Amino acid sequence: MKTLKDVKKIEAQIRWDLTPLEVLNPLKAQSKGEKIKGGYLFYIDVWGCKASLGIIDNNTLNPTSYILLTDIPEKMLSEAVFEQGGALIVSGYYAINKKIEEWIKNRLKELNEDE
């Protein structure tokens, strides 16, 4: 598990333009001529009927995912899952939405101010 303080160290390498589907299904992205390697991306992990915020390290041949320990409201995560046609009763990876992206950016900004 990682925290937002860990993310702060790699903030410049965050890829806000990628989704878990593009990383975990590289053939789809490659067929569109997109570069999928490099950087880190946020995602929503649904497991055991619970949504968690995670980050994928997409800098290697085998992307590695980590769950983040944060205080993000569960309602924000579940809303983003539902927006994509998902449900908390079905395990999977989902993209974050703009609301969650702004929440993350604000938290990272707060970490800057605390230093």
C-alpha atoms as a PDB file:
ATOM      1  CA  MET A   1       0.000   0.000   0.000  1.00  0.00           C
ATOM      2  CA  LYS A   2       1.048   3.557  -0.636  1.00  0.00           C
ATOM      3  CA  THR A   3      -0.020   6.991   0.546  1.00  0.00           C
ATOM      4  CA  LEU A   4      -0.389  10.358  -1.154  1.00  0.00           C
ATOM      5  CA  LYS A   5       3.001  11.291   0.320  1.00  0.00           C
ATOM      6  CA  ASP A   6       4.462   8.473  -1.806  1.00  0.00           C
ATOM      7  CA  VAL A   7       2.576   9.816  -4.819  1.00  0.00           C
ATOM      8  CA  LYS A   8       3.933  13.304  -4.162  1.00  0.00           C
ATOM      9  CA  LYS A   9       7.428  12.005  -4.984  1.00  0.00           C
ATOM     10  CA  ILE A  10       6.350  10.937  -8.489  1.00  0.00           C
ATOM     11  CA  GLU A  11       3.771  13.679  -9.117  1.00  0.00           C
ATOM     12  CA  ALA A  12       5.485  14.898 -12.308  1.00  0.00           C
ATOM     13  CA  GLN A  13       5.124  11.417 -13.819  1.00  0.00           C
ATOM     14  CA  ILE A  14       1.355  11.095 -13.342  1.00  0.00           C
ATOM     15  CA  ARG A  15      -0.499  10.368 -16.579  1.00  0.00           C
ATOM     16  CA  TRP A  16      -3.948  11.917 -16.253  1.00  0.00           C
ATOM     17  CA  ASP A  17      -4.689  10.924 -19.862  1.00  0.00           C
ATOM     18  CA  LEU A  18      -4.575   7.130 -19.366  1.00  0.00           C
ATOM     19  CA  THR A  19      -7.226   4.772 -18.074  1.00  0.00           C
ATOM     20  CA  PRO A  20      -6.777   1.311 -16.560  1.00  0.00           C
ATOM     21  CA  LEU A  21      -8.331  -0.235 -19.678  1.00  0.00           C
ATOM     22  CA  GLU A  22      -5.642   1.302 -21.876  1.00  0.00           C
ATOM     23  CA  VAL A  23      -2.877  -0.030 -19.653  1.00  0.00           C
ATOM     24  CA  LEU A  24      -4.361  -3.427 -18.918  1.00  0.00           C
ATOM     25  CA  ASN A  25      -5.542  -3.952 -22.517  1.00  0.00           C
ATOM     26  CA  PRO A  26      -2.518  -2.687 -24.467  1.00  0.00           C
ATOM     27  CA  LEU A  27      -3.633  -4.139 -27.811  1.00  0.00           C
ATOM     28  CA  LYS A  28      -6.576  -1.731 -27.907  1.00  0.00           C
ATOM     29  CA  ALA A  29      -4.338   1.281 -27.281  1.00  0.00           C
ATOM     30  CA  GLN A  30      -1.672   0.079 -29.723  1.00  0.00           C
ATOM     31  CA  SER A  31      -4.277  -0.421 -32.455  1.00  0.00           C
ATOM     32  CA  LYS A  32      -5.072   3.290 -32.121  1.00  0.00           C
ATOM     33  CA  GLY A  33      -1.354   4.124 -32.297  1.00  0.00           C
ATOM     34  CA  GLU A  34      -1.199   5.381 -28.725  1.00  0.00           C
ATOM     35  CA  LYS A  35       1.791   5.200 -26.427  1.00  0.00           C
ATOM     36  CA  ILE A  36       0.778   3.386 -23.275  1.00  0.00           C
ATOM     37  CA  LYS A  37       4.038   2.910 -21.390  1.00  0.00           C
ATOM     38  CA  GLY A  38       5.446   5.318 -18.903  1.00  0.00           C
ATOM     39  CA  GLY A  39       4.190   7.149 -15.887  1.00  0.00           C
ATOM     40  CA  TYR A  40       1.660   6.438 -13.200  1.00  0.00           C
ATOM     41  CA  LEU A  41      -2.121   6.525 -13.365  1.00  0.00           C
ATOM     42  CA  PHE A  42      -4.892   6.496 -10.823  1.00  0.00           C
ATOM     43  CA  TYR A  43      -7.740   4.025 -10.919  1.00  0.00           C
ATOM     44  CA  ILE A  44     -10.620   2.745  -8.821  1.00  0.00           C
ATOM     45  CA  ASP A  45     -10.290  -0.828  -7.632  1.00  0.00           C
ATOM     46  CA  VAL A  46     -13.508  -2.631  -6.769  1.00  0.00           C
ATOM     47  CA  TRP A  47     -13.007  -5.773  -4.718  1.00  0.00           C
ATOM     48  CA  GLY A  48     -15.263  -7.413  -2.176  1.00  0.00           C
ATOM     49  CA  CYS A  49     -18.042  -4.863  -2.799  1.00  0.00           C
ATOM     50  CA  LYS A  50     -15.719  -2.001  -1.776  1.00  0.00           C
ATOM     51  CA  ALA A  51     -14.169   0.693  -3.953  1.00  0.00           C
ATOM     52  CA  SER A  52     -10.627   1.903  -3.242  1.00  0.00           C
ATOM     53  CA  LEU A  53      -8.375   4.447  -4.896  1.00  0.00           C
ATOM     54  CA  GLY A  54      -5.251   2.959  -6.413  1.00  0.00           C
ATOM     55  CA  ILE A  55      -2.285   3.856  -8.573  1.00  0.00           C
ATOM     56  CA  ILE A  56      -0.662   1.851 -11.365  1.00  0.00           C
ATOM     57  CA  ASP A  57       3.080   2.039 -12.027  1.00  0.00           C
ATOM     58  CA  ASN A  58       3.145   1.806 -15.815  1.00  0.00           C
ATOM     59  CA  ASN A  59       6.926   2.115 -16.202  1.00  0.00           C
ATOM     60  CA  THR A  60       7.655  -1.575 -16.703  1.00  0.00           C
ATOM     61  CA  LEU A  61       6.562  -4.377 -19.019  1.00  0.00           C
ATOM     62  CA  ASN A  62       4.214  -5.602 -16.300  1.00  0.00           C
ATOM     63  CA  PRO A  63       2.298  -2.670 -14.780  1.00  0.00           C
ATOM     64  CA  THR A  64       2.072  -2.885 -10.995  1.00  0.00           C
ATOM     65  CA  SER A  65      -0.903  -1.599  -9.030  1.00  0.00           C
ATOM     66  CA  TYR A  66      -1.057  -0.348  -5.461  1.00  0.00           C
ATOM     67  CA  ILE A  67      -3.994   0.593  -3.267  1.00  0.00           C
ATOM     68  CA  LEU A  68      -3.613   4.056  -1.724  1.00  0.00           C
ATOM     69  CA  LEU A  69      -4.367   4.808   1.900  1.00  0.00           C
ATOM     70  CA  THR A  70      -6.381   8.040   1.642  1.00  0.00           C
ATOM     71  CA  ASP A  71      -9.342   9.799   3.166  1.00  0.00           C
ATOM     72  CA  ILE A  72     -11.221  10.002  -0.149  1.00  0.00           C
ATOM     73  CA  PRO A  73     -14.979   9.754   0.396  1.00  0.00           C
ATOM     74  CA  GLU A  74     -16.289   6.327  -0.607  1.00  0.00           C
ATOM     75  CA  LYS A  75     -19.280   8.040  -2.210  1.00  0.00           C
ATOM     76  CA  MET A  76     -16.993   9.751  -4.740  1.00  0.00           C
ATOM     77  CA  LEU A  77     -15.481   6.408  -5.716  1.00  0.00           C
ATOM     78  CA  SER A  78     -18.804   4.610  -6.028  1.00  0.00           C
ATOM     79  CA  GLU A  79     -20.293   7.464  -8.096  1.00  0.00           C
ATOM     80  CA  ALA A  80     -17.397   7.207 -10.568  1.00  0.00           C
ATOM     81  CA  VAL A  81     -17.885   3.441 -10.836  1.00  0.00           C
ATOM     82  CA  PHE A  82     -21.638   3.873 -11.457  1.00  0.00           C
ATOM     83  CA  GLU A  83     -20.956   6.588 -14.092  1.00  0.00           C
ATOM     84  CA  GLN A  84     -19.047   3.958 -16.070  1.00  0.00           C
ATOM     85  CA  GLY A  85     -21.824   1.400 -15.856  1.00  0.00           C
ATOM     86  CA  GLY A  86     -20.084  -0.569 -13.119  1.00  0.00           C
ATOM     87  CA  ALA A  87     -21.325  -1.795  -9.789  1.00  0.00           C
ATOM     88  CA  LEU A  88     -19.727  -2.464  -6.427  1.00  0.00           C
ATOM     89  CA  ILE A  89     -20.875  -6.082  -6.598  1.00  0.00           C
ATOM     90  CA  VAL A  90     -18.624  -6.712  -9.627  1.00  0.00           C
ATOM     91  CA  SER A  91     -14.854  -6.660  -9.065  1.00  0.00           C
ATOM     92  CA  GLY A  92     -12.791  -4.670 -11.535  1.00  0.00           C
ATOM     93  CA  TYR A  93     -10.693  -1.633 -12.371  1.00  0.00           C
ATOM     94  CA  TYR A  94     -12.343   1.656 -13.303  1.00  0.00           C
ATOM     95  CA  ALA A  95     -11.083   5.038 -14.442  1.00  0.00           C
ATOM     96  CA  ILE A  96     -11.248   7.999 -12.100  1.00  0.00           C
ATOM     97  CA  ASN A  97     -13.505  10.890 -13.081  1.00  0.00           C
ATOM     98  CA  LYS A  98     -12.764  14.634 -13.094  1.00  0.00           C
ATOM     99  CA  LYS A  99     -14.156  15.047  -9.584  1.00  0.00           C
ATOM    100  CA  ILE A 100     -11.674  12.497  -8.205  1.00  0.00           C
ATOM    101  CA  GLU A 101      -8.849  13.962 -10.289  1.00  0.00           C
ATOM    102  CA  GLU A 102      -9.499  17.380  -8.737  1.00  0.00           C
ATOM    103  CA  TRP A 103      -9.683  15.819  -5.255  1.00  0.00           C
ATOM    104  CA  ILE A 104      -6.266  14.185  -5.781  1.00  0.00           C
ATOM    105  CA  LYS A 105      -4.722  17.369  -7.175  1.00  0.00           C
ATOM    106  CA  ASN A 106      -6.040  19.361  -4.209  1.00  0.00           C
ATOM    107  CA  ARG A 107      -4.623  16.829  -1.732  1.00  0.00           C
ATOM    108  CA  LEU A 108      -1.229  16.906  -3.457  1.00  0.00           C
ATOM    109  CA  LYS A 109      -1.316  20.717  -3.396  1.00  0.00           C
ATOM    110  CA  GLU A 110      -2.063  20.609   0.348  1.00  0.00           C
ATOM    111  CA  LEU A 111       1.000  18.402   0.838  1.00  0.00           C
ATOM    112  CA  ASN A 112       3.083  21.107  -0.883  1.00  0.00           C
ATOM    113  CA  GLU A 113       1.750  23.723   1.524  1.00  0.00           C
ATOM    114  CA  ASP A 114       2.513  21.543   4.552  1.00  0.00           C
ATOM    115  CA  GLU A 115       6.176  21.193   3.603  1.00  0.00           C
END
